[in-house]
Amino acid sequence: MSNTPHTLGDEFPDEMDKIHALKISDARFAQALSEYDEVNDAIHLAETNVQPTTQEHETELRKRRLALKDRIAEALAQNT
């Protein structure tokens, strides 16, 4: 089985303790994490042709993942 790229651990390797704490204390943050994982998994499935999709849909998924990553990074920065 291949490793899914862009996992939160890969994207924020030094922030995992803070991510865990925010996930427990902030429902909106927890929802953003869940959405990020879902979108990231969908992108991985499309990239590996397990669930092929159109290029437009894959591009939209990538934009959504980037927006979620930005939201997560912003929340982490605000809770420093």
PDB file of N, CA and C in Angstrom:
ATOM      1  N   MET A   1       0.851  -1.172   0.000  1.00  0.00           N
ATOM      2  CA  MET A   1       0.000   0.000   0.000  1.00  0.00           C
ATOM      3  C   MET A   1       0.899   1.239   0.000  1.00  0.00           C
ATOM      4  N   SER A   2       0.546   2.206  -0.829  1.00  0.00           N
ATOM      5  CA  SER A   2       1.375   3.401  -0.922  1.00  0.00           C
ATOM      6  C   SER A   2       1.041   4.392   0.182  1.00  0.00           C
ATOM      7  N   ASN A   3       1.997   5.248   0.450  1.00  0.00           N
ATOM      8  CA  ASN A   3       1.815   6.278   1.465  1.00  0.00           C
ATOM      9  C   ASN A   3       1.041   7.444   0.859  1.00  0.00           C
ATOM     10  N   THR A   4       0.020   7.917   1.540  1.00  0.00           N
ATOM     11  CA  THR A   4      -0.747   9.057   1.066  1.00  0.00           C
ATOM     12  C   THR A   4       0.065  10.324   1.296  1.00  0.00           C
ATOM     13  N   PRO A   5       0.381  11.053   0.221  1.00  0.00           N
ATOM     14  CA  PRO A   5       1.129  12.296   0.400  1.00  0.00           C
ATOM     15  C   PRO A   5       0.255  13.398   1.004  1.00  0.00           C
ATOM     16  N   HIS A   6       0.900  14.395   1.517  1.00  0.00           N
ATOM     17  CA  HIS A   6       0.231  15.580   2.067  1.00  0.00           C
ATOM     18  C   HIS A   6      -0.583  15.298   3.325  1.00  0.00           C
ATOM     19  N   THR A   7      -0.211  14.282   4.088  1.00  0.00           N
ATOM     20  CA  THR A   7      -0.896  14.068   5.355  1.00  0.00           C
ATOM     21  C   THR A   7      -0.576  15.242   6.273  1.00  0.00           C
ATOM     22  N   LEU A   8      -1.392  15.454   7.268  1.00  0.00           N
ATOM     23  CA  LEU A   8      -1.159  16.558   8.198  1.00  0.00           C
ATOM     24  C   LEU A   8       0.181  16.410   8.908  1.00  0.00           C
ATOM     25  N   GLY A   9       0.583  15.183   9.182  1.00  0.00           N
ATOM     26  CA  GLY A   9       1.884  14.948   9.790  1.00  0.00           C
ATOM     27  C   GLY A   9       3.031  15.371   8.885  1.00  0.00           C
ATOM     28  N   ASP A  10       2.849  15.213   7.580  1.00  0.00           N
ATOM     29  CA  ASP A  10       3.851  15.663   6.613  1.00  0.00           C
ATOM     30  C   ASP A  10       3.840  17.184   6.477  1.00  0.00           C
ATOM     31  N   GLU A  11       2.653  17.753   6.487  1.00  0.00           N
ATOM     32  CA  GLU A  11       2.499  19.198   6.272  1.00  0.00           C
ATOM     33  C   GLU A  11       2.882  20.022   7.501  1.00  0.00           C
ATOM     34  N   PHE A  12       2.605  19.500   8.679  1.00  0.00           N
ATOM     35  CA  PHE A  12       2.860  20.225   9.932  1.00  0.00           C
ATOM     36  C   PHE A  12       3.591  19.324  10.929  1.00  0.00           C
ATOM     37  N   PRO A  13       4.790  18.868  10.580  1.00  0.00           N
ATOM     38  CA  PRO A  13       5.453  17.871  11.433  1.00  0.00           C
ATOM     39  C   PRO A  13       5.767  18.354  12.853  1.00  0.00           C
ATOM     40  N   ASP A  14       5.992  19.640  13.015  1.00  0.00           N
ATOM     41  CA  ASP A  14       6.334  20.157  14.344  1.00  0.00           C
ATOM     42  C   ASP A  14       5.127  20.645  15.122  1.00  0.00           C
ATOM     43  N   GLU A  15       3.947  20.480  14.559  1.00  0.00           N
ATOM     44  CA  GLU A  15       2.729  21.027  15.167  1.00  0.00           C
ATOM     45  C   GLU A  15       1.742  19.948  15.619  1.00  0.00           C
ATOM     46  N   MET A  16       2.139  18.701  15.614  1.00  0.00           N
ATOM     47  CA  MET A  16       1.182  17.626  15.879  1.00  0.00           C
ATOM     48  C   MET A  16       0.596  17.688  17.288  1.00  0.00           C
ATOM     49  N   ASP A  17       1.365  18.072  18.273  1.00  0.00           N
ATOM     50  CA  ASP A  17       0.817  18.196  19.631  1.00  0.00           C
ATOM     51  C   ASP A  17      -0.230  19.303  19.679  1.00  0.00           C
ATOM     52  N   LYS A  18       0.056  20.411  19.028  1.00  0.00           N
ATOM     53  CA  LYS A  18      -0.889  21.528  18.995  1.00  0.00           C
ATOM     54  C   LYS A  18      -2.150  21.144  18.198  1.00  0.00           C
ATOM     55  N   ILE A  19      -1.962  20.415  17.106  1.00  0.00           N
ATOM     56  CA  ILE A  19      -3.109  19.961  16.316  1.00  0.00           C
ATOM     57  C   ILE A  19      -4.008  19.075  17.168  1.00  0.00           C
ATOM     58  N   HIS A  20      -3.413  18.166  17.894  1.00  0.00           N
ATOM     59  CA  HIS A  20      -4.197  17.269  18.752  1.00  0.00           C
ATOM     60  C   HIS A  20      -4.963  18.056  19.818  1.00  0.00           C
ATOM     61  N   ALA A  21      -4.299  19.001  20.449  1.00  0.00           N
ATOM     62  CA  ALA A  21      -4.959  19.795  21.495  1.00  0.00           C
ATOM     63  C   ALA A  21      -6.110  20.615  20.925  1.00  0.00           C
ATOM     64  N   LEU A  22      -5.899  21.229  19.761  1.00  0.00           N
ATOM     65  CA  LEU A  22      -6.964  22.026  19.141  1.00  0.00           C
ATOM     66  C   LEU A  22      -8.116  21.145  18.661  1.00  0.00           C
ATOM     67  N   LYS A  23      -7.784  19.974  18.183  1.00  0.00           N
ATOM     68  CA  LYS A  23      -8.824  19.044  17.717  1.00  0.00           C
ATOM     69  C   LYS A  23      -9.782  18.705  18.854  1.00  0.00           C
ATOM     70  N   ILE A  24      -9.250  18.548  20.047  1.00  0.00           N
ATOM     71  CA  ILE A  24     -10.062  18.206  21.208  1.00  0.00           C
ATOM     72  C   ILE A  24     -10.878  19.401  21.694  1.00  0.00           C
ATOM     73  N   SER A  25     -10.288  20.595  21.621  1.00  0.00           N
ATOM     74  CA  SER A  25     -10.931  21.766  22.226  1.00  0.00           C
ATOM     75  C   SER A  25     -11.759  22.611  21.266  1.00  0.00           C
ATOM     76  N   ASP A  26     -11.619  22.418  19.954  1.00  0.00           N
ATOM     77  CA  ASP A  26     -12.271  23.280  18.976  1.00  0.00           C
ATOM     78  C   ASP A  26     -12.960  22.433  17.909  1.00  0.00           C
ATOM     79  N   ALA A  27     -14.283  22.387  17.957  1.00  0.00           N
ATOM     80  CA  ALA A  27     -15.052  21.557  17.029  1.00  0.00           C
ATOM     81  C   ALA A  27     -14.881  21.994  15.580  1.00  0.00           C
ATOM     82  N   ARG A  28     -14.772  23.298  15.350  1.00  0.00           N
ATOM     83  CA  ARG A  28     -14.587  23.787  13.974  1.00  0.00           C
ATOM     84  C   ARG A  28     -13.226  23.361  13.426  1.00  0.00           C
ATOM     85  N   PHE A  29     -12.216  23.400  14.269  1.00  0.00           N
ATOM     86  CA  PHE A  29     -10.890  22.952  13.871  1.00  0.00           C
ATOM     87  C   PHE A  29     -10.919  21.451  13.573  1.00  0.00           C
ATOM     88  N   ALA A  30     -11.581  20.695  14.428  1.00  0.00           N
ATOM     89  CA  ALA A  30     -11.693  19.248  14.220  1.00  0.00           C
ATOM     90  C   ALA A  30     -12.391  18.946  12.899  1.00  0.00           C
ATOM     91  N   GLN A  31     -13.418  19.729  12.563  1.00  0.00           N
ATOM     92  CA  GLN A  31     -14.130  19.544  11.292  1.00  0.00           C
ATOM     93  C   GLN A  31     -13.205  19.844  10.115  1.00  0.00           C
ATOM     94  N   ALA A  32     -12.398  20.892  10.227  1.00  0.00           N
ATOM     95  CA  ALA A  32     -11.453  21.232   9.158  1.00  0.00           C
ATOM     96  C   ALA A  32     -10.444  20.094   8.958  1.00  0.00           C
ATOM     97  N   LEU A  33      -9.986  19.500  10.047  1.00  0.00           N
ATOM     98  CA  LEU A  33      -9.060  18.371   9.947  1.00  0.00           C
ATOM     99  C   LEU A  33      -9.709  17.193   9.233  1.00  0.00           C
ATOM    100  N   SER A  34     -10.941  16.910   9.597  1.00  0.00           N
ATOM    101  CA  SER A  34     -11.668  15.811   8.978  1.00  0.00           C
ATOM    102  C   SER A  34     -11.870  16.051   7.481  1.00  0.00           C
ATOM    103  N   GLU A  35     -12.265  17.261   7.132  1.00  0.00           N
ATOM    104  CA  GLU A  35     -12.448  17.609   5.719  1.00  0.00           C
ATOM    105  C   GLU A  35     -11.132  17.512   4.961  1.00  0.00           C
ATOM    106  N   TYR A  36     -10.046  17.979   5.575  1.00  0.00           N
ATOM    107  CA  TYR A  36      -8.738  17.896   4.929  1.00  0.00           C
ATOM    108  C   TYR A  36      -8.399  16.440   4.612  1.00  0.00           C
ATOM    109  N   ASP A  37      -8.573  15.566   5.592  1.00  0.00           N
ATOM    110  CA  ASP A  37      -8.262  14.150   5.380  1.00  0.00           C
ATOM    111  C   ASP A  37      -9.129  13.541   4.279  1.00  0.00           C
ATOM    112  N   GLU A  38     -10.410  13.880   4.250  1.00  0.00           N
ATOM    113  CA  GLU A  38     -11.308  13.358   3.218  1.00  0.00           C
ATOM    114  C   GLU A  38     -10.882  13.820   1.825  1.00  0.00           C
ATOM    115  N   VAL A  39     -10.598  15.100   1.696  1.00  0.00           N
ATOM    116  CA  VAL A  39     -10.190  15.643   0.393  1.00  0.00           C
ATOM    117  C   VAL A  39      -8.841  15.071  -0.011  1.00  0.00           C
ATOM    118  N   ASN A  40      -7.920  14.991   0.925  1.00  0.00           N
ATOM    119  CA  ASN A  40      -6.606  14.430   0.630  1.00  0.00           C
ATOM    120  C   ASN A  40      -6.709  12.981   0.166  1.00  0.00           C
ATOM    121  N   ASP A  41      -7.551  12.211   0.811  1.00  0.00           N
ATOM    122  CA  ASP A  41      -7.755  10.818   0.402  1.00  0.00           C
ATOM    123  C   ASP A  41      -8.362  10.746  -1.000  1.00  0.00           C
ATOM    124  N   ALA A  42      -9.320  11.628  -1.299  1.00  0.00           N
ATOM    125  CA  ALA A  42      -9.939  11.642  -2.630  1.00  0.00           C
ATOM    126  C   ALA A  42      -8.909  11.984  -3.702  1.00  0.00           C
ATOM    127  N   ILE A  43      -8.022  12.914  -3.407  1.00  0.00           N
ATOM    128  CA  ILE A  43      -6.973  13.273  -4.358  1.00  0.00           C
ATOM    129  C   ILE A  43      -6.046  12.082  -4.583  1.00  0.00           C
ATOM    130  N   HIS A  44      -5.666  11.427  -3.517  1.00  0.00           N
ATOM    131  CA  HIS A  44      -4.780  10.267  -3.632  1.00  0.00           C
ATOM    132  C   HIS A  44      -5.427   9.165  -4.476  1.00  0.00           C
ATOM    133  N   LEU A  45      -6.701   8.916  -4.253  1.00  0.00           N
ATOM    134  CA  LEU A  45      -7.405   7.896  -5.038  1.00  0.00           C
ATOM    135  C   LEU A  45      -7.476   8.279  -6.512  1.00  0.00           C
ATOM    136  N   ALA A  46      -7.643   9.564  -6.791  1.00  0.00           N
ATOM    137  CA  ALA A  46      -7.677  10.027  -8.179  1.00  0.00           C
ATOM    138  C   ALA A  46      -6.291   9.911  -8.816  1.00  0.00           C
ATOM    139  N   GLU A  47      -5.264  10.310  -8.078  1.00  0.00           N
ATOM    140  CA  GLU A  47      -3.893  10.267  -8.603  1.00  0.00           C
ATOM    141  C   GLU A  47      -3.434   8.846  -8.911  1.00  0.00           C
ATOM    142  N   THR A  48      -3.875   7.900  -8.129  1.00  0.00           N
ATOM    143  CA  THR A  48      -3.458   6.509  -8.318  1.00  0.00           C
ATOM    144  C   THR A  48      -4.415   5.736  -9.222  1.00  0.00           C
ATOM    145  N   ASN A  49      -5.407   6.429  -9.758  1.00  0.00           N
ATOM    146  CA  ASN A  49      -6.408   5.857 -10.658  1.00  0.00           C
ATOM    147  C   ASN A  49      -7.252   4.761 -10.016  1.00  0.00           C
ATOM    148  N   VAL A  50      -7.326   4.757  -8.699  1.00  0.00           N
ATOM    149  CA  VAL A  50      -8.227   3.843  -8.007  1.00  0.00           C
ATOM    150  C   VAL A  50      -9.658   4.325  -8.227  1.00  0.00           C
ATOM    151  N   GLN A  51      -9.828   5.641  -8.173  1.00  0.00           N
ATOM    152  CA  GLN A  51     -11.110   6.276  -8.491  1.00  0.00           C
ATOM    153  C   GLN A  51     -10.832   7.429  -9.448  1.00  0.00           C
ATOM    154  N   PRO A  52     -10.655   7.129 -10.732  1.00  0.00           N
ATOM    155  CA  PRO A  52     -10.335   8.175 -11.689  1.00  0.00           C
ATOM    156  C   PRO A  52     -11.416   9.262 -11.720  1.00  0.00           C
ATOM    157  N   THR A  53     -10.983  10.475 -12.003  1.00  0.00           N
ATOM    158  CA  THR A  53     -11.895  11.604 -12.085  1.00  0.00           C
ATOM    159  C   THR A  53     -11.410  12.531 -13.191  1.00  0.00           C
ATOM    160  N   THR A  54     -12.183  13.537 -13.487  1.00  0.00           N
ATOM    161  CA  THR A  54     -11.764  14.498 -14.505  1.00  0.00           C
ATOM    162  C   THR A  54     -10.653  15.386 -13.952  1.00  0.00           C
ATOM    163  N   GLN A  55      -9.890  15.961 -14.858  1.00  0.00           N
ATOM    164  CA  GLN A  55      -8.821  16.871 -14.437  1.00  0.00           C
ATOM    165  C   GLN A  55      -9.403  18.073 -13.704  1.00  0.00           C
ATOM    166  N   GLU A  56     -10.562  18.547 -14.153  1.00  0.00           N
ATOM    167  CA  GLU A  56     -11.208  19.690 -13.511  1.00  0.00           C
ATOM    168  C   GLU A  56     -11.591  19.377 -12.072  1.00  0.00           C
ATOM    169  N   HIS A  57     -12.144  18.194 -11.859  1.00  0.00           N
ATOM    170  CA  HIS A  57     -12.538  17.803 -10.503  1.00  0.00           C
ATOM    171  C   HIS A  57     -11.313  17.644  -9.608  1.00  0.00           C
ATOM    172  N   GLU A  58     -10.261  17.049 -10.147  1.00  0.00           N
ATOM    173  CA  GLU A  58      -9.039  16.880  -9.363  1.00  0.00           C
ATOM    174  C   GLU A  58      -8.442  18.243  -9.007  1.00  0.00           C
ATOM    175  N   THR A  59      -8.488  19.172  -9.941  1.00  0.00           N
ATOM    176  CA  THR A  59      -7.995  20.530  -9.673  1.00  0.00           C
ATOM    177  C   THR A  59      -8.824  21.197  -8.575  1.00  0.00           C
ATOM    178  N   GLU A  60     -10.137  21.022  -8.631  1.00  0.00           N
ATOM    179  CA  GLU A  60     -11.018  21.591  -7.607  1.00  0.00           C
ATOM    180  C   GLU A  60     -10.710  20.982  -6.232  1.00  0.00           C
ATOM    181  N   LEU A  61     -10.465  19.685  -6.194  1.00  0.00           N
ATOM    182  CA  LEU A  61     -10.101  19.024  -4.942  1.00  0.00           C
ATOM    183  C   LEU A  61      -8.789  19.583  -4.400  1.00  0.00           C
ATOM    184  N   ARG A  62      -7.825  19.816  -5.271  1.00  0.00           N
ATOM    185  CA  ARG A  62      -6.537  20.367  -4.831  1.00  0.00           C
ATOM    186  C   ARG A  62      -6.703  21.773  -4.260  1.00  0.00           C
ATOM    187  N   LYS A  63      -7.537  22.581  -4.895  1.00  0.00           N
ATOM    188  CA  LYS A  63      -7.804  23.935  -4.394  1.00  0.00           C
ATOM    189  C   LYS A  63      -8.473  23.876  -3.022  1.00  0.00           C
ATOM    190  N   ARG A  64      -9.396  22.928  -2.873  1.00  0.00           N
ATOM    191  CA  ARG A  64     -10.090  22.774  -1.592  1.00  0.00           C
ATOM    192  C   ARG A  64      -9.115  22.336  -0.503  1.00  0.00           C
ATOM    193  N   ARG A  65      -8.206  21.408  -0.847  1.00  0.00           N
ATOM    194  CA  ARG A  65      -7.207  20.954   0.126  1.00  0.00           C
ATOM    195  C   ARG A  65      -6.308  22.120   0.539  1.00  0.00           C
ATOM    196  N   LEU A  66      -5.907  22.949  -0.414  1.00  0.00           N
ATOM    197  CA  LEU A  66      -5.057  24.092  -0.099  1.00  0.00           C
ATOM    198  C   LEU A  66      -5.784  25.084   0.808  1.00  0.00           C
ATOM    199  N   ALA A  67      -7.070  25.337   0.535  1.00  0.00           N
ATOM    200  CA  ALA A  67      -7.844  26.252   1.378  1.00  0.00           C
ATOM    201  C   ALA A  67      -7.963  25.705   2.800  1.00  0.00           C
ATOM    202  N   LEU A  68      -8.177  24.408   2.923  1.00  0.00           N
ATOM    203  CA  LEU A  68      -8.263  23.787   4.248  1.00  0.00           C
ATOM    204  C   LEU A  68      -6.917  23.845   4.969  1.00  0.00           C
ATOM    205  N   LYS A  69      -5.846  23.609   4.225  1.00  0.00           N
ATOM    206  CA  LYS A  69      -4.506  23.687   4.826  1.00  0.00           C
ATOM    207  C   LYS A  69      -4.252  25.105   5.332  1.00  0.00           C
ATOM    208  N   ASP A  70      -4.665  26.100   4.565  1.00  0.00           N
ATOM    209  CA  ASP A  70      -4.504  27.491   4.997  1.00  0.00           C
ATOM    210  C   ASP A  70      -5.298  27.766   6.271  1.00  0.00           C
ATOM    211  N   ARG A  71      -6.523  27.247   6.344  1.00  0.00           N
ATOM    212  CA  ARG A  71      -7.351  27.410   7.547  1.00  0.00           C
ATOM    213  C   ARG A  71      -6.683  26.780   8.761  1.00  0.00           C
ATOM    214  N   ILE A  72      -6.146  25.594   8.568  1.00  0.00           N
ATOM    215  CA  ILE A  72      -5.474  24.881   9.656  1.00  0.00           C
ATOM    216  C   ILE A  72      -4.230  25.651  10.093  1.00  0.00           C
ATOM    217  N   ALA A  73      -3.438  26.118   9.140  1.00  0.00           N
ATOM    218  CA  ALA A  73      -2.219  26.879   9.463  1.00  0.00           C
ATOM    219  C   ALA A  73      -2.571  28.167  10.201  1.00  0.00           C
ATOM    220  N   GLU A  74      -3.628  28.827   9.775  1.00  0.00           N
ATOM    221  CA  GLU A  74      -4.060  30.055  10.449  1.00  0.00           C
ATOM    222  C   GLU A  74      -4.464  29.777  11.891  1.00  0.00           C
ATOM    223  N   ALA A  75      -5.225  28.723  12.097  1.00  0.00           N
ATOM    224  CA  ALA A  75      -5.650  28.373  13.454  1.00  0.00           C
ATOM    225  C   ALA A  75      -4.444  28.033  14.328  1.00  0.00           C
ATOM    226  N   LEU A  76      -3.484  27.334  13.766  1.00  0.00           N
ATOM    227  CA  LEU A  76      -2.278  26.994  14.527  1.00  0.00           C
ATOM    228  C   LEU A  76      -1.489  28.257  14.889  1.00  0.00           C
ATOM    229  N   ALA A  77      -1.409  29.202  13.970  1.00  0.00           N
ATOM    230  CA  ALA A  77      -0.684  30.449  14.227  1.00  0.00           C
ATOM    231  C   ALA A  77      -1.371  31.293  15.298  1.00  0.00           C
ATOM    232  N   GLN A  78      -2.696  31.273  15.305  1.00  0.00           N
ATOM    233  CA  GLN A  78      -3.439  32.057  16.285  1.00  0.00           C
ATOM    234  C   GLN A  78      -3.360  31.468  17.683  1.00  0.00           C
ATOM    235  N   ASN A  79      -3.051  30.204  17.776  1.00  0.00           N
ATOM    236  CA  ASN A  79      -3.006  29.524  19.073  1.00  0.00           C
ATOM    237  C   ASN A  79      -1.566  29.209  19.476  1.00  0.00           C
ATOM    238  N   THR A  80      -0.698  30.136  19.206  1.00  0.00           N
ATOM    239  CA  THR A  80       0.718  29.949  19.551  1.00  0.00           C
ATOM    240  C   THR A  80       0.967  30.325  20.990  1.00  0.00           C
TER     241      THR A  80
END
